[in-house]
Amino acid sequence: MQPLSWGPLSVWPWQDALVAVLQDRVSPVINYETEVRSANQSFPIPSVVALKRYHKRKHVAFTRYHVFLRDGFRCQYCGDSLTAKELTFDHVIPRCRGGTTVWHNVVTCCQRDNLFKGSKSLSESGLRLLRSPYEPSPHQIDEFAKRHATRDYLHKTWLDFLYWDADLEA
């Protein structure tokens, strides 16, 4: 069966990709040069796989990484650009005041501003949001991820499948 289109959907650990191949949920497109061995068999490690069935995502999972992507790895109070290790979350409406851990109430924050704000409201702290928090669409998250990916993190076998990484012809 010929696919309708090619495009990256997600990145899986090699173990998950291999299990999916063995369960016949995906077809290997390209394998890494190394193999993994069991007691009596050797398996190539898939680098790029094609799904046999695709279920369109309706919502983006609420994860730390997705919040970092939505907020561009920037503190939403001071605008500093930080690494994932340097970032924290802030509840715009503090949990002690009834705020919940949902897309519309959580922003990426530097440690300094998070400690300064503490359990205060925005007006009490004097801080202002650079951008109001929102729930991104699957398409938006994909676009944010493309902006933050660098060639250093990509295996050479992936490059042919990432249309957004290709040079455009003049």
N, C-alpha and C. Protein backbone atom coordinates (compact mmCIF):
# COMPACT_ATOMS: atom_id res chain seq x y z
N MET A 1 0.85 -1.19 0.00
CA MET A 1 0.00 0.00 0.00
C MET A 1 0.89 1.24 0.00
N GLN A 2 0.63 2.17 -0.89
CA GLN A 2 1.41 3.39 -1.02
C GLN A 2 0.90 4.44 -0.02
N PRO A 3 1.79 5.06 0.76
CA PRO A 3 1.33 6.10 1.70
C PRO A 3 0.84 7.33 0.95
N LEU A 4 -0.10 8.04 1.58
CA LEU A 4 -0.62 9.28 1.00
C LEU A 4 0.38 10.41 1.13
N SER A 5 1.14 10.39 2.21
CA SER A 5 2.15 11.43 2.41
C SER A 5 3.21 10.92 3.37
N TRP A 6 4.34 11.60 3.37
CA TRP A 6 5.41 11.31 4.31
C TRP A 6 5.60 12.53 5.19
N GLY A 7 5.79 12.31 6.43
CA GLY A 7 6.07 13.43 7.32
C GLY A 7 6.32 12.91 8.72
N PRO A 8 7.15 13.59 9.48
CA PRO A 8 7.43 13.14 10.84
C PRO A 8 6.22 13.35 11.74
N LEU A 9 5.90 12.32 12.52
CA LEU A 9 4.80 12.43 13.48
C LEU A 9 5.33 12.56 14.89
N SER A 10 6.36 11.79 15.20
CA SER A 10 6.94 11.84 16.54
C SER A 10 8.27 11.12 16.54
N VAL A 11 8.95 11.24 17.65
CA VAL A 11 10.22 10.54 17.84
C VAL A 11 10.00 9.51 18.93
N TRP A 12 10.39 8.27 18.64
CA TRP A 12 10.24 7.18 19.59
C TRP A 12 11.61 6.69 20.01
N PRO A 13 11.73 6.18 21.23
CA PRO A 13 12.95 5.46 21.59
C PRO A 13 13.09 4.23 20.69
N TRP A 14 14.32 3.81 20.41
CA TRP A 14 14.52 2.69 19.49
C TRP A 14 13.83 1.43 19.99
N GLN A 15 13.75 1.25 21.32
CA GLN A 15 13.10 0.06 21.87
C GLN A 15 11.62 0.02 21.49
N ASP A 16 10.95 1.17 21.57
CA ASP A 16 9.53 1.22 21.21
C ASP A 16 9.34 0.97 19.72
N ALA A 17 10.23 1.52 18.90
CA ALA A 17 10.14 1.31 17.45
C ALA A 17 10.33 -0.17 17.12
N LEU A 18 11.29 -0.81 17.76
CA LEU A 18 11.54 -2.24 17.50
C LEU A 18 10.35 -3.08 17.93
N VAL A 19 9.78 -2.80 19.09
CA VAL A 19 8.59 -3.54 19.54
C VAL A 19 7.45 -3.35 18.55
N ALA A 20 7.25 -2.13 18.06
CA ALA A 20 6.18 -1.87 17.09
C ALA A 20 6.41 -2.64 15.79
N VAL A 21 7.66 -2.77 15.35
CA VAL A 21 7.97 -3.57 14.15
C VAL A 21 7.62 -5.03 14.42
N LEU A 22 8.05 -5.55 15.57
CA LEU A 22 7.80 -6.95 15.90
C LEU A 22 6.31 -7.24 16.06
N GLN A 23 5.54 -6.25 16.49
CA GLN A 23 4.08 -6.41 16.63
C GLN A 23 3.34 -6.10 15.33
N ASP A 24 4.08 -5.80 14.27
CA ASP A 24 3.53 -5.53 12.95
C ASP A 24 2.61 -4.30 12.92
N ARG A 25 2.89 -3.32 13.81
CA ARG A 25 2.12 -2.07 13.80
C ARG A 25 2.74 -1.04 12.88
N VAL A 26 4.04 -1.20 12.58
CA VAL A 26 4.76 -0.28 11.70
C VAL A 26 5.62 -1.08 10.74
N SER A 27 6.00 -0.43 9.66
CA SER A 27 6.94 -1.04 8.71
C SER A 27 8.26 -0.28 8.79
N PRO A 28 9.37 -1.00 8.90
CA PRO A 28 10.66 -0.30 8.91
C PRO A 28 10.95 0.29 7.53
N VAL A 29 11.41 1.52 7.49
CA VAL A 29 11.76 2.19 6.24
C VAL A 29 13.28 2.19 6.10
N ILE A 30 13.95 2.57 7.16
CA ILE A 30 15.42 2.57 7.22
C ILE A 30 15.83 2.08 8.60
N ASN A 31 16.90 1.28 8.64
CA ASN A 31 17.43 0.80 9.91
C ASN A 31 18.77 1.45 10.20
N TYR A 32 19.10 1.53 11.49
CA TYR A 32 20.44 1.94 11.88
C TYR A 32 21.42 0.84 11.46
N GLU A 33 22.69 1.13 11.53
CA GLU A 33 23.70 0.14 11.15
C GLU A 33 23.90 -0.92 12.22
N THR A 34 23.47 -0.66 13.43
CA THR A 34 23.65 -1.62 14.52
C THR A 34 22.43 -2.50 14.68
N GLU A 35 22.63 -3.63 15.34
CA GLU A 35 21.54 -4.57 15.62
C GLU A 35 21.52 -4.86 17.10
N VAL A 36 20.40 -5.38 17.54
CA VAL A 36 20.26 -5.84 18.92
C VAL A 36 20.06 -7.35 18.87
N ARG A 37 20.65 -8.05 19.82
CA ARG A 37 20.58 -9.51 19.80
C ARG A 37 19.78 -10.03 20.98
N SER A 38 19.02 -11.10 20.71
CA SER A 38 18.39 -11.87 21.77
C SER A 38 19.23 -13.13 21.93
N ALA A 39 18.73 -14.08 22.69
CA ALA A 39 19.50 -15.32 22.91
C ALA A 39 19.79 -16.05 21.61
N ASN A 40 18.84 -16.02 20.67
CA ASN A 40 19.05 -16.80 19.44
C ASN A 40 18.68 -16.05 18.16
N GLN A 41 18.55 -14.73 18.24
CA GLN A 41 18.16 -13.98 17.05
C GLN A 41 18.75 -12.57 17.09
N SER A 42 18.94 -12.00 15.91
CA SER A 42 19.45 -10.64 15.79
C SER A 42 18.40 -9.79 15.08
N PHE A 43 18.20 -8.54 15.57
CA PHE A 43 17.18 -7.66 15.00
C PHE A 43 17.81 -6.33 14.62
N PRO A 44 17.57 -5.86 13.40
CA PRO A 44 18.04 -4.51 13.05
C PRO A 44 17.23 -3.47 13.83
N ILE A 45 17.89 -2.41 14.24
CA ILE A 45 17.21 -1.35 14.99
C ILE A 45 16.64 -0.34 14.00
N PRO A 46 15.32 -0.16 14.01
CA PRO A 46 14.71 0.78 13.05
C PRO A 46 15.06 2.23 13.37
N SER A 47 15.38 2.97 12.32
CA SER A 47 15.66 4.40 12.45
C SER A 47 14.44 5.22 12.04
N VAL A 48 13.81 4.81 10.94
CA VAL A 48 12.60 5.47 10.44
C VAL A 48 11.58 4.37 10.19
N VAL A 49 10.37 4.57 10.70
CA VAL A 49 9.29 3.60 10.49
C VAL A 49 8.08 4.31 9.91
N ALA A 50 7.24 3.53 9.24
CA ALA A 50 5.98 4.05 8.69
C ALA A 50 4.84 3.36 9.42
N LEU A 51 3.91 4.15 9.91
CA LEU A 51 2.74 3.59 10.58
C LEU A 51 1.87 2.84 9.58
N LYS A 52 1.28 1.74 10.03
CA LYS A 52 0.35 1.03 9.16
C LYS A 52 -1.05 1.61 9.28
N ARG A 53 -1.35 2.18 10.45
CA ARG A 53 -2.63 2.86 10.67
C ARG A 53 -2.34 4.14 11.43
N TYR A 54 -3.04 5.20 11.08
CA TYR A 54 -2.81 6.49 11.73
C TYR A 54 -4.12 7.02 12.29
N HIS A 55 -4.09 7.38 13.56
CA HIS A 55 -5.24 8.00 14.20
C HIS A 55 -4.88 9.46 14.45
N LYS A 56 -5.60 10.35 13.82
CA LYS A 56 -5.30 11.78 13.92
C LYS A 56 -5.45 12.26 15.37
N ARG A 57 -4.45 13.02 15.81
CA ARG A 57 -4.49 13.59 17.15
C ARG A 57 -5.50 14.73 17.19
N LYS A 58 -6.33 14.73 18.20
CA LYS A 58 -7.28 15.82 18.37
C LYS A 58 -6.77 16.84 19.37
N HIS A 59 -5.99 16.36 20.33
CA HIS A 59 -5.48 17.24 21.38
C HIS A 59 -4.00 16.98 21.59
N VAL A 60 -3.32 17.97 22.12
CA VAL A 60 -1.91 17.84 22.47
C VAL A 60 -1.83 17.41 23.93
N ALA A 61 -1.02 16.40 24.21
CA ALA A 61 -0.83 15.96 25.59
C ALA A 61 -0.22 17.10 26.40
N PHE A 62 -0.70 17.26 27.62
CA PHE A 62 -0.18 18.30 28.51
C PHE A 62 1.08 17.75 29.18
N THR A 63 2.25 18.10 28.65
CA THR A 63 3.53 17.64 29.19
C THR A 63 4.44 18.84 29.38
N ARG A 64 5.48 18.65 30.19
CA ARG A 64 6.46 19.72 30.41
C ARG A 64 7.06 20.18 29.09
N TYR A 65 7.47 19.22 28.27
CA TYR A 65 8.13 19.55 27.01
C TYR A 65 7.20 20.35 26.10
N HIS A 66 5.92 19.97 26.04
CA HIS A 66 4.98 20.69 25.18
C HIS A 66 4.74 22.12 25.69
N VAL A 67 4.73 22.31 27.01
CA VAL A 67 4.59 23.68 27.54
C VAL A 67 5.85 24.48 27.19
N PHE A 68 7.03 23.86 27.32
CA PHE A 68 8.27 24.55 26.94
C PHE A 68 8.23 24.94 25.46
N LEU A 69 7.76 24.02 24.61
CA LEU A 69 7.67 24.33 23.18
C LEU A 69 6.70 25.48 22.93
N ARG A 70 5.51 25.40 23.53
CA ARG A 70 4.51 26.46 23.33
C ARG A 70 5.08 27.82 23.71
N ASP A 71 5.82 27.87 24.81
CA ASP A 71 6.35 29.14 25.31
C ASP A 71 7.74 29.47 24.76
N GLY A 72 8.22 28.67 23.81
CA GLY A 72 9.49 28.97 23.15
C GLY A 72 10.71 28.90 24.05
N PHE A 73 10.64 28.08 25.11
CA PHE A 73 11.75 27.95 26.06
C PHE A 73 12.14 29.31 26.64
N ARG A 74 11.12 30.16 26.87
CA ARG A 74 11.34 31.50 27.43
C ARG A 74 10.48 31.69 28.67
N CYS A 75 11.05 32.40 29.65
CA CYS A 75 10.27 32.81 30.81
C CYS A 75 9.17 33.74 30.32
N GLN A 76 7.95 33.47 30.71
CA GLN A 76 6.82 34.27 30.23
C GLN A 76 6.63 35.57 31.02
N TYR A 77 7.56 35.83 31.96
CA TYR A 77 7.54 37.10 32.69
C TYR A 77 8.67 38.03 32.24
N CYS A 78 9.91 37.52 32.22
CA CYS A 78 11.05 38.39 31.87
C CYS A 78 11.53 38.19 30.44
N GLY A 79 11.13 37.10 29.78
CA GLY A 79 11.52 36.85 28.40
C GLY A 79 12.86 36.17 28.21
N ASP A 80 13.55 35.82 29.32
CA ASP A 80 14.84 35.14 29.19
C ASP A 80 14.67 33.81 28.49
N SER A 81 15.59 33.50 27.58
CA SER A 81 15.62 32.22 26.87
C SER A 81 16.48 31.27 27.69
N LEU A 82 15.92 30.11 28.05
CA LEU A 82 16.59 29.19 28.96
C LEU A 82 16.54 27.76 28.44
N THR A 83 17.35 26.89 29.05
CA THR A 83 17.30 25.47 28.73
C THR A 83 16.20 24.82 29.55
N ALA A 84 15.83 23.61 29.17
CA ALA A 84 14.79 22.88 29.89
C ALA A 84 15.17 22.68 31.36
N LYS A 85 16.45 22.48 31.63
CA LYS A 85 16.90 22.29 33.02
C LYS A 85 16.76 23.56 33.85
N GLU A 86 16.83 24.71 33.21
CA GLU A 86 16.76 25.99 33.92
C GLU A 86 15.32 26.48 34.10
N LEU A 87 14.38 25.90 33.37
CA LEU A 87 13.00 26.37 33.40
C LEU A 87 12.18 25.71 34.49
N THR A 88 11.18 26.44 34.97
CA THR A 88 10.19 25.89 35.89
C THR A 88 8.82 26.24 35.33
N PHE A 89 7.80 25.81 36.05
CA PHE A 89 6.42 26.16 35.70
C PHE A 89 5.90 27.14 36.74
N ASP A 90 5.02 28.00 36.31
CA ASP A 90 4.30 28.84 37.25
C ASP A 90 2.82 28.71 36.97
N HIS A 91 2.05 28.57 38.05
CA HIS A 91 0.59 28.60 37.94
C HIS A 91 0.19 30.07 38.00
N VAL A 92 -0.39 30.59 36.93
CA VAL A 92 -0.78 32.00 36.88
C VAL A 92 -1.71 32.30 38.05
N ILE A 93 -2.74 31.50 38.21
CA ILE A 93 -3.56 31.55 39.42
C ILE A 93 -2.99 30.45 40.32
N PRO A 94 -2.35 30.80 41.43
CA PRO A 94 -1.69 29.80 42.26
C PRO A 94 -2.63 28.68 42.71
N ARG A 95 -2.06 27.49 42.85
CA ARG A 95 -2.88 26.34 43.26
C ARG A 95 -3.52 26.58 44.62
N CYS A 96 -2.82 27.28 45.52
CA CYS A 96 -3.38 27.54 46.85
C CYS A 96 -4.59 28.47 46.78
N ARG A 97 -4.81 29.08 45.62
CA ARG A 97 -5.97 29.97 45.42
C ARG A 97 -6.97 29.38 44.44
N GLY A 98 -6.87 28.07 44.24
CA GLY A 98 -7.84 27.39 43.38
C GLY A 98 -7.40 27.19 41.95
N GLY A 99 -6.20 27.63 41.60
CA GLY A 99 -5.70 27.43 40.24
C GLY A 99 -5.42 25.96 39.98
N THR A 100 -5.60 25.55 38.75
CA THR A 100 -5.38 24.15 38.38
C THR A 100 -4.21 24.02 37.41
N THR A 101 -3.73 22.79 37.26
CA THR A 101 -2.61 22.52 36.36
C THR A 101 -3.17 22.15 35.00
N VAL A 102 -3.49 23.18 34.23
CA VAL A 102 -4.06 23.02 32.89
C VAL A 102 -3.37 24.01 31.95
N TRP A 103 -3.54 23.79 30.66
CA TRP A 103 -2.91 24.64 29.64
C TRP A 103 -3.10 26.13 29.91
N HIS A 104 -4.30 26.54 30.27
CA HIS A 104 -4.64 27.97 30.38
C HIS A 104 -4.16 28.61 31.68
N ASN A 105 -3.53 27.81 32.57
CA ASN A 105 -3.08 28.36 33.85
C ASN A 105 -1.60 28.12 34.13
N VAL A 106 -0.88 27.48 33.22
CA VAL A 106 0.53 27.16 33.45
C VAL A 106 1.39 27.85 32.39
N VAL A 107 2.48 28.48 32.84
CA VAL A 107 3.43 29.11 31.91
C VAL A 107 4.84 28.69 32.29
N THR A 108 5.74 28.80 31.31
CA THR A 108 7.15 28.56 31.53
C THR A 108 7.73 29.78 32.26
N CYS A 109 8.60 29.51 33.23
CA CYS A 109 9.07 30.59 34.09
C CYS A 109 10.51 30.32 34.53
N CYS A 110 11.30 31.38 34.67
CA CYS A 110 12.65 31.22 35.24
C CYS A 110 12.51 31.07 36.76
N GLN A 111 13.52 30.50 37.37
CA GLN A 111 13.46 30.25 38.81
C GLN A 111 13.35 31.55 39.60
N ARG A 112 14.07 32.58 39.16
CA ARG A 112 14.04 33.87 39.88
C ARG A 112 12.62 34.43 39.94
N ASP A 113 11.94 34.48 38.79
CA ASP A 113 10.59 35.04 38.77
C ASP A 113 9.59 34.14 39.49
N ASN A 114 9.80 32.83 39.41
CA ASN A 114 8.90 31.90 40.09
C ASN A 114 9.00 32.09 41.60
N LEU A 115 10.22 32.22 42.12
CA LEU A 115 10.40 32.46 43.56
C LEU A 115 9.84 33.81 43.96
N PHE A 116 10.03 34.82 43.12
CA PHE A 116 9.52 36.16 43.42
C PHE A 116 7.99 36.17 43.48
N LYS A 117 7.36 35.51 42.51
CA LYS A 117 5.89 35.51 42.45
C LYS A 117 5.31 34.66 43.57
N GLY A 118 5.90 33.48 43.79
CA GLY A 118 5.40 32.61 44.85
C GLY A 118 3.92 32.32 44.69
N SER A 119 3.16 32.52 45.76
CA SER A 119 1.72 32.24 45.72
C SER A 119 0.89 33.51 45.54
N LYS A 120 1.54 34.56 45.03
CA LYS A 120 0.82 35.82 44.79
C LYS A 120 0.11 35.79 43.44
N SER A 121 -0.89 36.64 43.32
CA SER A 121 -1.54 36.83 42.02
C SER A 121 -0.63 37.70 41.16
N LEU A 122 -0.94 37.81 39.88
CA LEU A 122 -0.15 38.67 39.00
C LEU A 122 -0.18 40.12 39.49
N SER A 123 -1.35 40.60 39.87
CA SER A 123 -1.44 42.00 40.31
C SER A 123 -0.67 42.22 41.62
N GLU A 124 -0.70 41.26 42.52
CA GLU A 124 0.03 41.39 43.79
C GLU A 124 1.55 41.37 43.57
N SER A 125 1.99 40.58 42.60
CA SER A 125 3.43 40.46 42.35
C SER A 125 3.97 41.58 41.48
N GLY A 126 3.09 42.22 40.72
CA GLY A 126 3.53 43.25 39.79
C GLY A 126 4.10 42.69 38.49
N LEU A 127 4.09 41.37 38.34
CA LEU A 127 4.58 40.75 37.11
C LEU A 127 3.50 40.79 36.03
N ARG A 128 3.93 40.83 34.79
CA ARG A 128 3.00 40.80 33.66
C ARG A 128 3.41 39.67 32.72
N LEU A 129 2.42 38.97 32.20
CA LEU A 129 2.70 37.90 31.23
C LEU A 129 3.05 38.50 29.87
N LEU A 130 4.06 37.95 29.23
CA LEU A 130 4.39 38.36 27.87
C LEU A 130 3.32 37.88 26.90
N ARG A 131 2.73 36.72 27.21
CA ARG A 131 1.70 36.13 26.35
C ARG A 131 0.80 35.27 27.23
N SER A 132 -0.49 35.35 27.01
CA SER A 132 -1.43 34.55 27.79
C SER A 132 -1.29 33.07 27.44
N PRO A 133 -1.38 32.19 28.44
CA PRO A 133 -1.28 30.76 28.15
C PRO A 133 -2.50 30.26 27.39
N TYR A 134 -2.30 29.25 26.55
CA TYR A 134 -3.38 28.68 25.75
C TYR A 134 -3.05 27.23 25.43
N GLU A 135 -4.05 26.49 24.99
CA GLU A 135 -3.83 25.11 24.56
C GLU A 135 -3.48 25.11 23.08
N PRO A 136 -2.26 24.69 22.72
CA PRO A 136 -1.88 24.68 21.31
C PRO A 136 -2.53 23.51 20.56
N SER A 137 -2.66 23.68 19.27
CA SER A 137 -3.18 22.59 18.43
C SER A 137 -2.03 21.64 18.11
N PRO A 138 -2.33 20.41 17.67
CA PRO A 138 -1.26 19.50 17.25
C PRO A 138 -0.37 20.12 16.18
N HIS A 139 -0.97 20.85 15.24
CA HIS A 139 -0.18 21.48 14.18
C HIS A 139 0.78 22.52 14.76
N GLN A 140 0.30 23.33 15.71
CA GLN A 140 1.16 24.34 16.33
C GLN A 140 2.35 23.70 17.05
N ILE A 141 2.09 22.62 17.80
CA ILE A 141 3.17 21.94 18.52
C ILE A 141 4.19 21.40 17.54
N ASP A 142 3.73 20.83 16.43
CA ASP A 142 4.66 20.33 15.41
C ASP A 142 5.53 21.46 14.87
N GLU A 143 4.91 22.62 14.61
CA GLU A 143 5.67 23.76 14.10
C GLU A 143 6.68 24.27 15.14
N PHE A 144 6.26 24.32 16.41
CA PHE A 144 7.17 24.76 17.47
C PHE A 144 8.36 23.79 17.57
N ALA A 145 8.08 22.49 17.47
CA ALA A 145 9.15 21.48 17.57
C ALA A 145 10.14 21.63 16.42
N LYS A 146 9.63 21.92 15.23
CA LYS A 146 10.52 22.10 14.08
C LYS A 146 11.45 23.29 14.28
N ARG A 147 10.92 24.36 14.88
CA ARG A 147 11.74 25.55 15.13
C ARG A 147 12.85 25.29 16.14
N HIS A 148 12.59 24.40 17.09
CA HIS A 148 13.55 24.17 18.16
C HIS A 148 14.45 22.96 17.91
N ALA A 149 14.22 22.23 16.83
CA ALA A 149 15.09 21.10 16.50
C ALA A 149 16.37 21.63 15.85
N THR A 150 17.45 20.97 16.13
CA THR A 150 18.70 21.33 15.47
C THR A 150 19.28 20.10 14.80
N ARG A 151 20.07 20.31 13.80
CA ARG A 151 20.68 19.20 13.06
C ARG A 151 21.54 18.34 13.98
N ASP A 152 22.07 18.92 15.05
CA ASP A 152 22.94 18.17 15.97
C ASP A 152 22.20 17.00 16.62
N TYR A 153 20.89 17.12 16.77
CA TYR A 153 20.12 16.08 17.44
C TYR A 153 19.58 15.02 16.48
N LEU A 154 19.71 15.25 15.20
CA LEU A 154 19.09 14.38 14.21
C LEU A 154 20.08 13.38 13.65
N HIS A 155 19.65 12.12 13.57
CA HIS A 155 20.47 11.10 12.94
C HIS A 155 20.41 11.30 11.43
N LYS A 156 21.52 11.02 10.75
CA LYS A 156 21.60 11.28 9.30
C LYS A 156 20.52 10.55 8.51
N THR A 157 20.05 9.39 9.00
CA THR A 157 19.02 8.65 8.26
C THR A 157 17.67 9.35 8.29
N TRP A 158 17.48 10.31 9.19
CA TRP A 158 16.20 11.00 9.30
C TRP A 158 16.08 12.13 8.29
N LEU A 159 17.20 12.69 7.86
CA LEU A 159 17.17 13.95 7.11
C LEU A 159 16.35 13.91 5.83
N ASP A 160 16.35 12.78 5.12
CA ASP A 160 15.57 12.68 3.88
C ASP A 160 14.07 12.73 4.12
N PHE A 161 13.63 12.48 5.34
CA PHE A 161 12.21 12.42 5.64
C PHE A 161 11.69 13.69 6.30
N LEU A 162 12.56 14.63 6.57
CA LEU A 162 12.17 15.87 7.21
C LEU A 162 12.16 16.98 6.18
N TYR A 163 11.02 17.15 5.53
CA TYR A 163 10.91 18.14 4.46
C TYR A 163 11.23 19.53 4.95
N TRP A 164 11.01 19.81 6.21
CA TRP A 164 11.26 21.13 6.76
C TRP A 164 12.74 21.39 6.97
N ASP A 165 13.56 20.35 6.83
CA ASP A 165 15.00 20.50 7.03
C ASP A 165 15.72 20.63 5.70
N ALA A 166 14.99 20.42 4.60
CA ALA A 166 15.61 20.42 3.28
C ALA A 166 15.85 21.85 2.80
N ASP A 167 16.92 22.02 2.02
CA ASP A 167 17.19 23.31 1.40
C ASP A 167 16.18 23.55 0.28
N LEU A 168 15.70 24.77 0.17
CA LEU A 168 14.77 25.11 -0.90
C LEU A 168 15.55 25.52 -2.13
N GLU A 169 15.05 25.14 -3.28
CA GLU A 169 15.70 25.54 -4.53
C GLU A 169 15.26 26.95 -4.89
N ALA A 170 16.16 27.70 -5.51
CA ALA A 170 15.84 29.08 -5.88
C ALA A 170 14.99 29.13 -7.13
